[in-house]
Structures are given as C-alpha cells and as structure tokens.
Amino acid sequence: MVIVSIIVPVAMGYHIDPVHLGIVFLANMEIGYLTPPFGLNLFLAGYRFKKPVAKVFVDSLPFIIILLTGLALLTYFPIISTYLVNKIYH
C-alpha cells in the first residue's frame, strides 16, 4: 500500500492508465511470490504438499515462464489490460 501511493502519482505524471498500472503491479507481485528467496507461495505450497521448496520451485518454472510472457505482453501492449474497461466506460 505504501509503494502504490508513491508510484501512482508518478505514473499519472507519465500518462499511464491506473487500471493498466494496477494489473502490471499485481502481475509483478505474483511473480515475486513465486520466485525464491522470498517466494511466500513456494513456502506455503511446500508445506501444504509436504515437498521441499526447491522441488516446488522447479515444478512451478513453466508457470513462471508463462507469467513472465504475459507480463511482457501486458507491459508493452496496454490495450490488453484496458480494452474492456475502455469499452464499458467510454
């Protein structure tokens, strides 16, 4: 919450859509939760399925690659994240 309140005014200064910023921010957060050394989701999944964190990380690599690809598309083509919002409200 603290970081978002700092980033939003800067993004608005660069004319970045707040919806686009929020979606990119959440996608980055999920990638952060899935990567070591602070990947909370890795520790939770390892505990829940009684597997070592390293095994869970290796098994989640294809999904991390998909998330990174999606993040790159969302970041460089903002129309993907703002199309429906613009269609509904404009």
C-alpha atoms as a PDB file:
ATOM      1  CA  MET A   1       0.000   0.000   0.000  1.00  0.00           C
ATOM      2  CA  VAL A   2       2.842   2.396   0.754  1.00  0.00           C
ATOM      3  CA  ILE A   3       4.614   1.756  -2.555  1.00  0.00           C
ATOM      4  CA  VAL A   4       1.422   2.123  -4.592  1.00  0.00           C
ATOM      5  CA  SER A   5       0.698   5.525  -3.079  1.00  0.00           C
ATOM      6  CA  ILE A   6       4.143   6.651  -4.209  1.00  0.00           C
ATOM      7  CA  ILE A   7       4.016   5.073  -7.683  1.00  0.00           C
ATOM      8  CA  VAL A   8       0.526   6.224  -8.745  1.00  0.00           C
ATOM      9  CA  PRO A   9       1.242   9.996  -8.844  1.00  0.00           C
ATOM     10  CA  VAL A  10       4.461   9.368 -10.784  1.00  0.00           C
ATOM     11  CA  ALA A  11       2.624   7.106 -13.250  1.00  0.00           C
ATOM     12  CA  MET A  12      -0.137   9.683 -13.676  1.00  0.00           C
ATOM     13  CA  GLY A  13       2.569  12.234 -14.498  1.00  0.00           C
ATOM     14  CA  TYR A  14       3.671   9.965 -17.355  1.00  0.00           C
ATOM     15  CA  HIS A  15       0.045   9.444 -18.504  1.00  0.00           C
ATOM     16  CA  ILE A  16      -0.069   5.751 -17.556  1.00  0.00           C
ATOM     17  CA  ASP A  17      -3.586   4.394 -17.106  1.00  0.00           C
ATOM     18  CA  PRO A  18      -4.233   3.493 -13.430  1.00  0.00           C
ATOM     19  CA  VAL A  19      -6.000   0.253 -14.441  1.00  0.00           C
ATOM     20  CA  HIS A  20      -3.003  -0.778 -16.519  1.00  0.00           C
ATOM     21  CA  LEU A  21      -0.638   0.128 -13.676  1.00  0.00           C
ATOM     22  CA  GLY A  22      -2.667  -1.935 -11.205  1.00  0.00           C
ATOM     23  CA  ILE A  23      -2.720  -5.019 -13.424  1.00  0.00           C
ATOM     24  CA  VAL A  24       1.013  -4.817 -14.133  1.00  0.00           C
ATOM     25  CA  PHE A  25       1.684  -4.262 -10.416  1.00  0.00           C
ATOM     26  CA  LEU A  26      -0.363  -7.336  -9.424  1.00  0.00           C
ATOM     27  CA  ALA A  27       1.279  -9.495 -12.094  1.00  0.00           C
ATOM     28  CA  ASN A  28       4.702  -8.444 -10.781  1.00  0.00           C
ATOM     29  CA  MET A  29       3.631  -9.235  -7.224  1.00  0.00           C
ATOM     30  CA  GLU A  30       2.518 -12.743  -8.181  1.00  0.00           C
ATOM     31  CA  ILE A  31       5.820 -13.410  -9.927  1.00  0.00           C
ATOM     32  CA  GLY A  32       7.567 -12.202  -6.778  1.00  0.00           C
ATOM     33  CA  TYR A  33       5.503 -14.593  -4.654  1.00  0.00           C
ATOM     34  CA  LEU A  34       6.582 -17.493  -6.874  1.00  0.00           C
ATOM     35  CA  THR A  35      10.325 -16.862  -7.009  1.00  0.00           C
ATOM     36  CA  PRO A  36      12.977 -17.522  -4.356  1.00  0.00           C
ATOM     37  CA  PRO A  37      14.303 -16.454  -1.915  1.00  0.00           C
ATOM     38  CA  PHE A  38      11.191 -14.730  -0.565  1.00  0.00           C
ATOM     39  CA  GLY A  39       8.518 -16.614  -2.519  1.00  0.00           C
ATOM     40  CA  LEU A  40       5.770 -16.939   0.068  1.00  0.00           C
ATOM     41  CA  ASN A  41       3.647 -19.089  -2.249  1.00  0.00           C
ATOM     42  CA  LEU A  42       6.553 -21.533  -2.609  1.00  0.00           C
ATOM     43  CA  PHE A  43       6.826 -21.982   1.143  1.00  0.00           C
ATOM     44  CA  LEU A  44       3.069 -22.392   1.520  1.00  0.00           C
ATOM     45  CA  ALA A  45       2.864 -24.947  -1.295  1.00  0.00           C
ATOM     46  CA  GLY A  46       5.882 -26.843   0.037  1.00  0.00           C
ATOM     47  CA  TYR A  47       4.332 -27.020   3.483  1.00  0.00           C
ATOM     48  CA  ARG A  48       0.877 -27.956   2.198  1.00  0.00           C
ATOM     49  CA  PHE A  49       2.073 -30.715  -0.142  1.00  0.00           C
ATOM     50  CA  LYS A  50       4.969 -31.822   2.101  1.00  0.00           C
ATOM     51  CA  LYS A  51       7.563 -31.226  -0.619  1.00  0.00           C
ATOM     52  CA  PRO A  52      10.858 -29.320  -0.413  1.00  0.00           C
ATOM     53  CA  VAL A  53      10.737 -25.726  -1.613  1.00  0.00           C
ATOM     54  CA  ALA A  54      13.353 -26.448  -4.302  1.00  0.00           C
ATOM     55  CA  LYS A  55      11.119 -29.166  -5.808  1.00  0.00           C
ATOM     56  CA  VAL A  56       8.092 -26.875  -5.747  1.00  0.00           C
ATOM     57  CA  PHE A  57      10.114 -24.137  -7.451  1.00  0.00           C
ATOM     58  CA  VAL A  58      11.331 -26.442 -10.223  1.00  0.00           C
ATOM     59  CA  ASP A  59       7.782 -27.687 -10.771  1.00  0.00           C
ATOM     60  CA  SER A  60       6.463 -24.124 -10.950  1.00  0.00           C
ATOM     61  CA  LEU A  61       9.036 -22.910 -13.524  1.00  0.00           C
ATOM     62  CA  PRO A  62       6.746 -23.442 -16.565  1.00  0.00           C
ATOM     63  CA  PHE A  63       4.088 -21.317 -14.891  1.00  0.00           C
ATOM     64  CA  ILE A  64       6.608 -18.608 -14.029  1.00  0.00           C
ATOM     65  CA  ILE A  65       7.666 -18.508 -17.688  1.00  0.00           C
ATOM     66  CA  ILE A  66       4.015 -18.141 -18.717  1.00  0.00           C
ATOM     67  CA  LEU A  67       3.560 -15.349 -16.169  1.00  0.00           C
ATOM     68  CA  LEU A  68       6.690 -13.546 -17.407  1.00  0.00           C
ATOM     69  CA  THR A  69       5.490 -13.797 -21.004  1.00  0.00           C
ATOM     70  CA  GLY A  70       2.085 -12.454 -20.007  1.00  0.00           C
ATOM     71  CA  LEU A  71       3.690  -9.651 -18.028  1.00  0.00           C
ATOM     72  CA  ALA A  72       5.820  -8.639 -21.018  1.00  0.00           C
ATOM     73  CA  LEU A  73       2.726  -8.557 -23.235  1.00  0.00           C
ATOM     74  CA  LEU A  74       0.745  -6.561 -20.671  1.00  0.00           C
ATOM     75  CA  THR A  75       3.560  -4.109 -20.124  1.00  0.00           C
ATOM     76  CA  TYR A  76       4.285  -3.347 -23.766  1.00  0.00           C
ATOM     77  CA  PHE A  77       0.700  -3.585 -25.072  1.00  0.00           C
ATOM     78  CA  PRO A  78      -1.509  -1.756 -22.547  1.00  0.00           C
ATOM     79  CA  ILE A  79      -4.559  -2.235 -24.777  1.00  0.00           C
ATOM     80  CA  ILE A  80      -4.695  -5.838 -23.498  1.00  0.00           C
ATOM     81  CA  SER A  81      -5.437  -4.693 -19.954  1.00  0.00           C
ATOM     82  CA  THR A  82      -7.525  -1.622 -20.743  1.00  0.00           C
ATOM     83  CA  TYR A  83      -9.684  -2.705 -23.681  1.00  0.00           C
ATOM     84  CA  LEU A  84     -12.724  -3.900 -21.710  1.00  0.00           C
ATOM     85  CA  VAL A  85     -12.592  -1.011 -19.260  1.00  0.00           C
ATOM     86  CA  ASN A  86     -12.474   1.498 -22.093  1.00  0.00           C
ATOM     87  CA  LYS A  87     -15.283  -0.328 -23.925  1.00  0.00           C
ATOM     88  CA  ILE A  88     -17.551  -0.238 -20.864  1.00  0.00           C
ATOM     89  CA  TYR A  89     -16.875   3.278 -19.583  1.00  0.00           C
ATOM     90  CA  HIS A  90     -16.352   5.214 -22.830  1.00  0.00           C
END
